Amino acid sequence: MKPVTAIGIAMAFGLFGLTFRGPRARFWERMTITGLVLGNMALANDRELRRLRFRERDVALGLLSAAGLYAIFQVGDRTARAVMPSGSQEIGDIYALRSLRPKSEIATRLATVIGPAEELFWRGFVQRRVGAAGAAMAYGGAHLATGNATLIGAATVAGVYWGFLRAIGMSMPALITSHVAWDIWIFLLAPTEPEAVASAEVTAPVAPPEPSPPPVVPARPRGKRAT
């Protein structure tokens, strides 16, 4: 492994640790900075990545592959909840990040920086130098800092999936499209976690029924007593 590759991977591990271990309220700011650093490092060290051009075919393939990964995660979500004792809690912790910033802002960060940067760095820069298996292991390993077993497994599965597509010839623009579409779809539009409904509803207390008035007894007419 060349020194620049080792430095890049070590930097990614450090940045992911700072991103996920720092104050939760500022998570999206740190994640965006991590994307900017890693994406620009990939572009600075790989001339081919600086020549990328998006075509309609790339966008179509990217959307199709994102749908395939979403289907895989639907199955994986159910498996994690059934097999892992803390699976539901860990999945809930991941989705709780949606509440930190407005959804429109998160979508913008994912589409313009975070998603593209991860593909440029992991599938563009790293995979070209250490191979698909090495890049997938490094991508999953960078998430060890989260301490979330479900997230680590999910990142590894996604890394294997996109790494395989890259290895069989899928273009970087298609992979970037896939990553961005999948991020927004599974995280903001159609999460695998069922929304809490019953527990979040606030119902007005039901007032007890008013007591019925006592029956009115007609007064007996005055007069002679019947004999």
C-alpha atoms as a PDB file:
ATOM      1  CA  MET A   1       0.000   0.000   0.000  1.00  0.00           C
ATOM      2  CA  LYS A   2       1.368   3.372  -0.982  1.00  0.00           C
ATOM      3  CA  PRO A   3       1.888   5.971   1.755  1.00  0.00           C
ATOM      4  CA  VAL A   4      -0.742   8.320   0.339  1.00  0.00           C
ATOM      5  CA  THR A   5      -3.338   5.529   0.481  1.00  0.00           C
ATOM      6  CA  ALA A   6      -2.434   4.598   4.061  1.00  0.00           C
ATOM      7  CA  ILE A   7      -2.571   8.265   5.078  1.00  0.00           C
ATOM      8  CA  GLY A   8      -5.958   8.676   3.421  1.00  0.00           C
ATOM      9  CA  ILE A   9      -7.475   5.628   5.151  1.00  0.00           C
ATOM     10  CA  ALA A  10      -6.017   6.639   8.522  1.00  0.00           C
ATOM     11  CA  MET A  11      -7.411  10.127   8.035  1.00  0.00           C
ATOM     12  CA  ALA A  12     -10.830   8.679   7.225  1.00  0.00           C
ATOM     13  CA  PHE A  13     -10.821   6.580  10.406  1.00  0.00           C
ATOM     14  CA  GLY A  14      -9.883   9.616  12.470  1.00  0.00           C
ATOM     15  CA  LEU A  15     -12.484  11.866  10.879  1.00  0.00           C
ATOM     16  CA  PHE A  16     -15.236   9.290  11.267  1.00  0.00           C
ATOM     17  CA  GLY A  17     -14.286   8.935  14.934  1.00  0.00           C
ATOM     18  CA  LEU A  18     -14.520  12.693  15.471  1.00  0.00           C
ATOM     19  CA  THR A  19     -17.786  12.840  13.532  1.00  0.00           C
ATOM     20  CA  PHE A  20     -19.613  10.138  15.445  1.00  0.00           C
ATOM     21  CA  ARG A  21     -18.037  10.677  18.858  1.00  0.00           C
ATOM     22  CA  GLY A  22     -18.423  14.447  18.996  1.00  0.00           C
ATOM     23  CA  PRO A  23     -21.411  16.393  20.364  1.00  0.00           C
ATOM     24  CA  ARG A  24     -24.531  14.945  18.769  1.00  0.00           C
ATOM     25  CA  ALA A  25     -26.139  18.315  18.088  1.00  0.00           C
ATOM     26  CA  ARG A  26     -23.373  19.214  15.617  1.00  0.00           C
ATOM     27  CA  PHE A  27     -23.255  15.848  13.850  1.00  0.00           C
ATOM     28  CA  TRP A  28     -24.293  17.070  10.392  1.00  0.00           C
ATOM     29  CA  GLU A  29     -21.769  19.892  10.408  1.00  0.00           C
ATOM     30  CA  ARG A  30     -18.957  17.467  11.247  1.00  0.00           C
ATOM     31  CA  MET A  31     -20.172  14.919   8.705  1.00  0.00           C
ATOM     32  CA  THR A  32     -20.140  17.588   6.008  1.00  0.00           C
ATOM     33  CA  ILE A  33     -16.598  18.636   6.904  1.00  0.00           C
ATOM     34  CA  THR A  34     -15.498  14.984   6.803  1.00  0.00           C
ATOM     35  CA  GLY A  35     -17.001  14.680   3.323  1.00  0.00           C
ATOM     36  CA  LEU A  36     -15.275  17.835   2.111  1.00  0.00           C
ATOM     37  CA  VAL A  37     -11.873  16.673   3.377  1.00  0.00           C
ATOM     38  CA  LEU A  38     -12.075  13.116   2.021  1.00  0.00           C
ATOM     39  CA  GLY A  39     -13.695  14.105  -1.274  1.00  0.00           C
ATOM     40  CA  ASN A  40     -11.108  16.763  -1.987  1.00  0.00           C
ATOM     41  CA  MET A  41      -8.293  14.408  -1.066  1.00  0.00           C
ATOM     42  CA  ALA A  42      -9.601  11.905  -3.606  1.00  0.00           C
ATOM     43  CA  LEU A  43      -9.892  14.555  -6.305  1.00  0.00           C
ATOM     44  CA  ALA A  44      -6.424  15.931  -5.564  1.00  0.00           C
ATOM     45  CA  ASN A  45      -4.784  12.510  -5.922  1.00  0.00           C
ATOM     46  CA  ASP A  46      -6.719  11.020  -8.846  1.00  0.00           C
ATOM     47  CA  ARG A  47      -6.848  12.779 -12.192  1.00  0.00           C
ATOM     48  CA  GLU A  48      -9.599  10.528 -13.542  1.00  0.00           C
ATOM     49  CA  LEU A  49     -11.947  11.535 -10.768  1.00  0.00           C
ATOM     50  CA  ARG A  50     -11.578  15.163 -11.788  1.00  0.00           C
ATOM     51  CA  ARG A  51     -12.821  14.305 -15.301  1.00  0.00           C
ATOM     52  CA  LEU A  52     -16.152  12.755 -14.383  1.00  0.00           C
ATOM     53  CA  ARG A  53     -19.161  13.577 -16.558  1.00  0.00           C
ATOM     54  CA  PHE A  54     -22.739  12.555 -15.773  1.00  0.00           C
ATOM     55  CA  ARG A  55     -24.873  11.027 -18.538  1.00  0.00           C
ATOM     56  CA  GLU A  56     -28.515  10.013 -18.553  1.00  0.00           C
ATOM     57  CA  ARG A  57     -27.487   6.358 -18.569  1.00  0.00           C
ATOM     58  CA  ASP A  58     -25.421   6.887 -15.397  1.00  0.00           C
ATOM     59  CA  VAL A  59     -28.353   8.452 -13.589  1.00  0.00           C
ATOM     60  CA  ALA A  60     -30.710   5.642 -14.634  1.00  0.00           C
ATOM     61  CA  LEU A  61     -28.275   2.922 -13.545  1.00  0.00           C
ATOM     62  CA  GLY A  62     -27.619   4.735 -10.301  1.00  0.00           C
ATOM     63  CA  LEU A  63     -31.303   4.952  -9.432  1.00  0.00           C
ATOM     64  CA  LEU A  64     -31.844   1.302 -10.333  1.00  0.00           C
ATOM     65  CA  SER A  65     -28.940   0.139  -8.177  1.00  0.00           C
ATOM     66  CA  ALA A  66     -30.159   2.314  -5.281  1.00  0.00           C
ATOM     67  CA  ALA A  67     -33.508   0.524  -5.464  1.00  0.00           C
ATOM     68  CA  GLY A  68     -31.718  -2.830  -5.293  1.00  0.00           C
ATOM     69  CA  LEU A  69     -29.775  -1.820  -2.196  1.00  0.00           C
ATOM     70  CA  TYR A  70     -32.947  -0.493  -0.569  1.00  0.00           C
ATOM     71  CA  ALA A  71     -34.566  -3.904  -1.045  1.00  0.00           C
ATOM     72  CA  ILE A  72     -31.561  -5.568   0.582  1.00  0.00           C
ATOM     73  CA  PHE A  73     -31.820  -3.232   3.563  1.00  0.00           C
ATOM     74  CA  GLN A  74     -35.512  -3.912   4.004  1.00  0.00           C
ATOM     75  CA  VAL A  75     -34.614  -7.559   4.616  1.00  0.00           C
ATOM     76  CA  GLY A  76     -31.570  -6.630   6.695  1.00  0.00           C
ATOM     77  CA  ASP A  77     -33.605  -4.331   8.923  1.00  0.00           C
ATOM     78  CA  ARG A  78     -36.055  -7.094   9.824  1.00  0.00           C
ATOM     79  CA  THR A  79     -33.204  -9.533  10.405  1.00  0.00           C
ATOM     80  CA  ALA A  80     -31.346  -7.121  12.696  1.00  0.00           C
ATOM     81  CA  ARG A  81     -34.449  -6.526  14.785  1.00  0.00           C
ATOM     82  CA  ALA A  82     -35.157 -10.248  15.097  1.00  0.00           C
ATOM     83  CA  VAL A  83     -31.618 -11.568  15.650  1.00  0.00           C
ATOM     84  CA  MET A  84     -29.808  -8.798  17.534  1.00  0.00           C
ATOM     85  CA  PRO A  85     -31.114  -7.955  21.028  1.00  0.00           C
ATOM     86  CA  SER A  86     -30.220  -4.278  20.589  1.00  0.00           C
ATOM     87  CA  GLY A  87     -31.066  -4.098  16.881  1.00  0.00           C
ATOM     88  CA  SER A  88     -34.213  -2.013  17.247  1.00  0.00           C
ATOM     89  CA  GLN A  89     -32.536   0.434  19.624  1.00  0.00           C
ATOM     90  CA  GLU A  90     -29.493   0.847  17.377  1.00  0.00           C
ATOM     91  CA  ILE A  91     -31.632   1.419  14.289  1.00  0.00           C
ATOM     92  CA  GLY A  92     -33.647   3.966  16.227  1.00  0.00           C
ATOM     93  CA  ASP A  93     -30.439   5.766  17.258  1.00  0.00           C
ATOM     94  CA  ILE A  94     -29.436   6.086  13.604  1.00  0.00           C
ATOM     95  CA  TYR A  95     -32.773   7.478  12.522  1.00  0.00           C
ATOM     96  CA  ALA A  96     -32.810   9.890  15.462  1.00  0.00           C
ATOM     97  CA  LEU A  97     -30.171  11.904  13.586  1.00  0.00           C
ATOM     98  CA  ARG A  98     -32.969  13.069  11.261  1.00  0.00           C
ATOM     99  CA  SER A  99     -34.336  15.279  14.004  1.00  0.00           C
ATOM    100  CA  LEU A 100     -31.151  17.313  14.449  1.00  0.00           C
ATOM    101  CA  ARG A 101     -31.621  19.509  11.372  1.00  0.00           C
ATOM    102  CA  PRO A 102     -34.449  20.310   8.915  1.00  0.00           C
ATOM    103  CA  LYS A 103     -34.972  17.525   6.380  1.00  0.00           C
ATOM    104  CA  SER A 104     -34.354  19.873   3.448  1.00  0.00           C
ATOM    105  CA  GLU A 105     -30.968  20.824   4.878  1.00  0.00           C
ATOM    106  CA  ILE A 106     -29.979  17.201   5.520  1.00  0.00           C
ATOM    107  CA  ALA A 107     -31.000  16.258   1.963  1.00  0.00           C
ATOM    108  CA  THR A 108     -28.868  19.084   0.571  1.00  0.00           C
ATOM    109  CA  ARG A 109     -25.842  18.014   2.586  1.00  0.00           C
ATOM    110  CA  LEU A 110     -26.271  14.381   1.510  1.00  0.00           C
ATOM    111  CA  ALA A 111     -26.728  15.241  -2.171  1.00  0.00           C
ATOM    112  CA  THR A 112     -24.041  17.877  -2.605  1.00  0.00           C
ATOM    113  CA  VAL A 113     -21.237  16.781  -0.266  1.00  0.00           C
ATOM    114  CA  ILE A 114     -21.597  13.647   1.849  1.00  0.00           C
ATOM    115  CA  GLY A 115     -22.847  11.103  -0.698  1.00  0.00           C
ATOM    116  CA  PRO A 116     -20.585  12.170  -3.601  1.00  0.00           C
ATOM    117  CA  ALA A 117     -17.552  12.477  -1.319  1.00  0.00           C
ATOM    118  CA  GLU A 118     -17.927   8.956   0.080  1.00  0.00           C
ATOM    119  CA  GLU A 119     -18.030   7.458  -3.408  1.00  0.00           C
ATOM    120  CA  LEU A 120     -15.119   9.552  -4.665  1.00  0.00           C
ATOM    121  CA  PHE A 121     -13.008   8.523  -1.694  1.00  0.00           C
ATOM    122  CA  TRP A 122     -13.956   4.889  -0.992  1.00  0.00           C
ATOM    123  CA  ARG A 123     -14.856   3.540  -4.425  1.00  0.00           C
ATOM    124  CA  GLY A 124     -12.816   6.003  -6.465  1.00  0.00           C
ATOM    125  CA  PHE A 125      -9.599   6.623  -4.541  1.00  0.00           C
ATOM    126  CA  VAL A 126      -9.313   3.697  -2.088  1.00  0.00           C
ATOM    127  CA  GLN A 127     -10.761   0.843  -4.140  1.00  0.00           C
ATOM    128  CA  ARG A 128      -8.557   1.615  -7.118  1.00  0.00           C
ATOM    129  CA  ARG A 129      -5.511   1.096  -4.879  1.00  0.00           C
ATOM    130  CA  VAL A 130      -6.476  -1.712  -2.484  1.00  0.00           C
ATOM    131  CA  GLY A 131      -9.237  -3.540  -4.404  1.00  0.00           C
ATOM    132  CA  ALA A 132     -12.950  -4.014  -3.768  1.00  0.00           C
ATOM    133  CA  ALA A 133     -12.582  -6.261  -0.711  1.00  0.00           C
ATOM    134  CA  GLY A 134     -10.029  -3.985   0.931  1.00  0.00           C
ATOM    135  CA  ALA A 135     -12.131  -0.885   0.320  1.00  0.00           C
ATOM    136  CA  ALA A 136     -15.286  -2.546   1.689  1.00  0.00           C
ATOM    137  CA  MET A 137     -13.457  -3.679   4.834  1.00  0.00           C
ATOM    138  CA  ALA A 138     -11.978  -0.221   5.341  1.00  0.00           C
ATOM    139  CA  TYR A 139     -15.360   1.429   4.815  1.00  0.00           C
ATOM    140  CA  GLY A 140     -16.989  -0.818   7.400  1.00  0.00           C
ATOM    141  CA  GLY A 141     -14.009  -0.458   9.726  1.00  0.00           C
ATOM    142  CA  ALA A 142     -14.232   3.325   9.673  1.00  0.00           C
ATOM    143  CA  HIS A 143     -17.677   2.969  11.263  1.00  0.00           C
ATOM    144  CA  LEU A 144     -16.306   1.033  14.261  1.00  0.00           C
ATOM    145  CA  ALA A 145     -16.014   4.374  16.028  1.00  0.00           C
ATOM    146  CA  THR A 146     -19.806   4.578  16.148  1.00  0.00           C
ATOM    147  CA  GLY A 147     -20.048   1.667  18.577  1.00  0.00           C
ATOM    148  CA  ASN A 148     -23.274   0.766  16.766  1.00  0.00           C
ATOM    149  CA  ALA A 149     -23.094  -2.832  15.536  1.00  0.00           C
ATOM    150  CA  THR A 150     -26.087  -2.407  13.245  1.00  0.00           C
ATOM    151  CA  LEU A 151     -24.554   0.652  11.569  1.00  0.00           C
ATOM    152  CA  ILE A 152     -21.205  -1.107  11.187  1.00  0.00           C
ATOM    153  CA  GLY A 153     -22.912  -4.053   9.518  1.00  0.00           C
ATOM    154  CA  ALA A 154     -24.991  -1.782   7.292  1.00  0.00           C
ATOM    155  CA  ALA A 155     -21.930   0.178   6.173  1.00  0.00           C
ATOM    156  CA  THR A 156     -20.065  -3.043   5.381  1.00  0.00           C
ATOM    157  CA  VAL A 157     -22.980  -4.399   3.335  1.00  0.00           C
ATOM    158  CA  ALA A 158     -23.275  -1.123   1.422  1.00  0.00           C
ATOM    159  CA  GLY A 159     -19.509  -1.067   0.875  1.00  0.00           C
ATOM    160  CA  VAL A 160     -19.553  -4.602  -0.528  1.00  0.00           C
ATOM    161  CA  TYR A 161     -22.523  -3.763  -2.757  1.00  0.00           C
ATOM    162  CA  TRP A 162     -21.103  -0.582  -4.278  1.00  0.00           C
ATOM    163  CA  GLY A 163     -17.610  -2.070  -4.390  1.00  0.00           C
ATOM    164  CA  PHE A 164     -18.886  -5.016  -6.410  1.00  0.00           C
ATOM    165  CA  LEU A 165     -20.684  -2.713  -8.833  1.00  0.00           C
ATOM    166  CA  ARG A 166     -17.521  -0.681  -9.267  1.00  0.00           C
ATOM    167  CA  ALA A 167     -15.463  -3.840  -9.788  1.00  0.00           C
ATOM    168  CA  ILE A 168     -17.720  -5.034 -12.616  1.00  0.00           C
ATOM    169  CA  GLY A 169     -17.506  -1.694 -14.378  1.00  0.00           C
ATOM    170  CA  MET A 170     -20.186   0.667 -13.078  1.00  0.00           C
ATOM    171  CA  SER A 171     -19.090   4.256 -13.625  1.00  0.00           C
ATOM    172  CA  MET A 172     -18.355   6.655 -10.793  1.00  0.00           C
ATOM    173  CA  PRO A 173     -21.202   9.017 -11.807  1.00  0.00           C
ATOM    174  CA  ALA A 174     -23.632   6.087 -11.572  1.00  0.00           C
ATOM    175  CA  LEU A 175     -22.261   5.119  -8.157  1.00  0.00           C
ATOM    176  CA  ILE A 176     -22.516   8.698  -6.921  1.00  0.00           C
ATOM    177  CA  THR A 177     -26.117   8.828  -8.124  1.00  0.00           C
ATOM    178  CA  SER A 178     -26.819   5.514  -6.394  1.00  0.00           C
ATOM    179  CA  HIS A 179     -25.304   6.629  -3.098  1.00  0.00           C
ATOM    180  CA  VAL A 180     -27.111   9.970  -3.044  1.00  0.00           C
ATOM    181  CA  ALA A 181     -30.478   8.477  -4.024  1.00  0.00           C
ATOM    182  CA  TRP A 182     -30.164   5.669  -1.485  1.00  0.00           C
ATOM    183  CA  ASP A 183     -29.132   8.027   1.334  1.00  0.00           C
ATOM    184  CA  ILE A 184     -32.082  10.339   0.807  1.00  0.00           C
ATOM    185  CA  TRP A 185     -34.579   7.552   0.191  1.00  0.00           C
ATOM    186  CA  ILE A 186     -33.767   5.305   3.152  1.00  0.00           C
ATOM    187  CA  PHE A 187     -32.936   8.077   5.587  1.00  0.00           C
ATOM    188  CA  LEU A 188     -35.529  10.749   4.823  1.00  0.00           C
ATOM    189  CA  LEU A 189     -38.263   9.541   2.477  1.00  0.00           C
ATOM    190  CA  ALA A 190     -38.920   5.864   3.214  1.00  0.00           C
ATOM    191  CA  PRO A 191     -37.004   4.742   6.322  1.00  0.00           C
ATOM    192  CA  THR A 192     -37.115   1.086   7.264  1.00  0.00           C
ATOM    193  CA  GLU A 193     -38.061   1.989  10.827  1.00  0.00           C
ATOM    194  CA  PRO A 194     -41.850   2.107  11.307  1.00  0.00           C
ATOM    195  CA  GLU A 195     -43.036   5.454  12.533  1.00  0.00           C
ATOM    196  CA  ALA A 196     -44.364   5.556  16.066  1.00  0.00           C
ATOM    197  CA  VAL A 197     -48.038   6.287  15.891  1.00  0.00           C
ATOM    198  CA  ALA A 198     -49.967   5.139  18.889  1.00  0.00           C
ATOM    199  CA  SER A 199     -47.390   6.188  21.478  1.00  0.00           C
ATOM    200  CA  ALA A 200     -47.046   9.687  20.060  1.00  0.00           C
ATOM    201  CA  GLU A 201     -50.721  10.501  19.832  1.00  0.00           C
ATOM    202  CA  VAL A 202     -52.139  12.846  22.427  1.00  0.00           C
ATOM    203  CA  THR A 203     -55.803  12.289  23.087  1.00  0.00           C
ATOM    204  CA  ALA A 204     -58.094  14.652  24.977  1.00  0.00           C
ATOM    205  CA  PRO A 205     -59.514  13.266  28.191  1.00  0.00           C
ATOM    206  CA  VAL A 206     -63.086  12.107  27.923  1.00  0.00           C
ATOM    207  CA  ALA A 207     -65.388  13.989  30.250  1.00  0.00           C
ATOM    208  CA  PRO A 208     -67.583  11.783  32.421  1.00  0.00           C
ATOM    209  CA  PRO A 209     -71.293  11.820  31.547  1.00  0.00           C
ATOM    210  CA  GLU A 210     -73.378  14.312  33.454  1.00  0.00           C
ATOM    211  CA  PRO A 211     -75.752  12.753  35.975  1.00  0.00           C
ATOM    212  CA  SER A 212     -79.336  12.415  34.816  1.00  0.00           C
ATOM    213  CA  PRO A 213     -81.836  14.703  36.548  1.00  0.00           C
ATOM    214  CA  PRO A 214     -84.139  13.014  39.070  1.00  0.00           C
ATOM    215  CA  PRO A 215     -87.485  11.876  37.651  1.00  0.00           C
ATOM    216  CA  VAL A 216     -90.358  14.300  38.052  1.00  0.00           C
ATOM    217  CA  VAL A 217     -93.235  12.823  40.090  1.00  0.00           C
ATOM    218  CA  PRO A 218     -96.577  14.430  39.227  1.00  0.00           C
ATOM    219  CA  ALA A 219     -98.374  15.936  42.208  1.00  0.00           C
ATOM    220  CA  ARG A 220    -101.598  14.227  43.323  1.00  0.00           C
ATOM    221  CA  PRO A 221    -104.645  16.403  42.701  1.00  0.00           C
ATOM    222  CA  ARG A 222    -106.383  17.726  45.795  1.00  0.00           C
ATOM    223  CA  GLY A 223    -109.933  16.604  46.365  1.00  0.00           C
ATOM    224  CA  LYS A 224    -112.100  14.223  48.262  1.00  0.00           C
ATOM    225  CA  ARG A 225    -110.624  10.933  49.137  1.00  0.00           C
ATOM    226  CA  ALA A 226    -112.208   8.116  47.257  1.00  0.00           C
ATOM    227  CA  THR A 227    -114.338   5.842  49.355  1.00  0.00           C
END
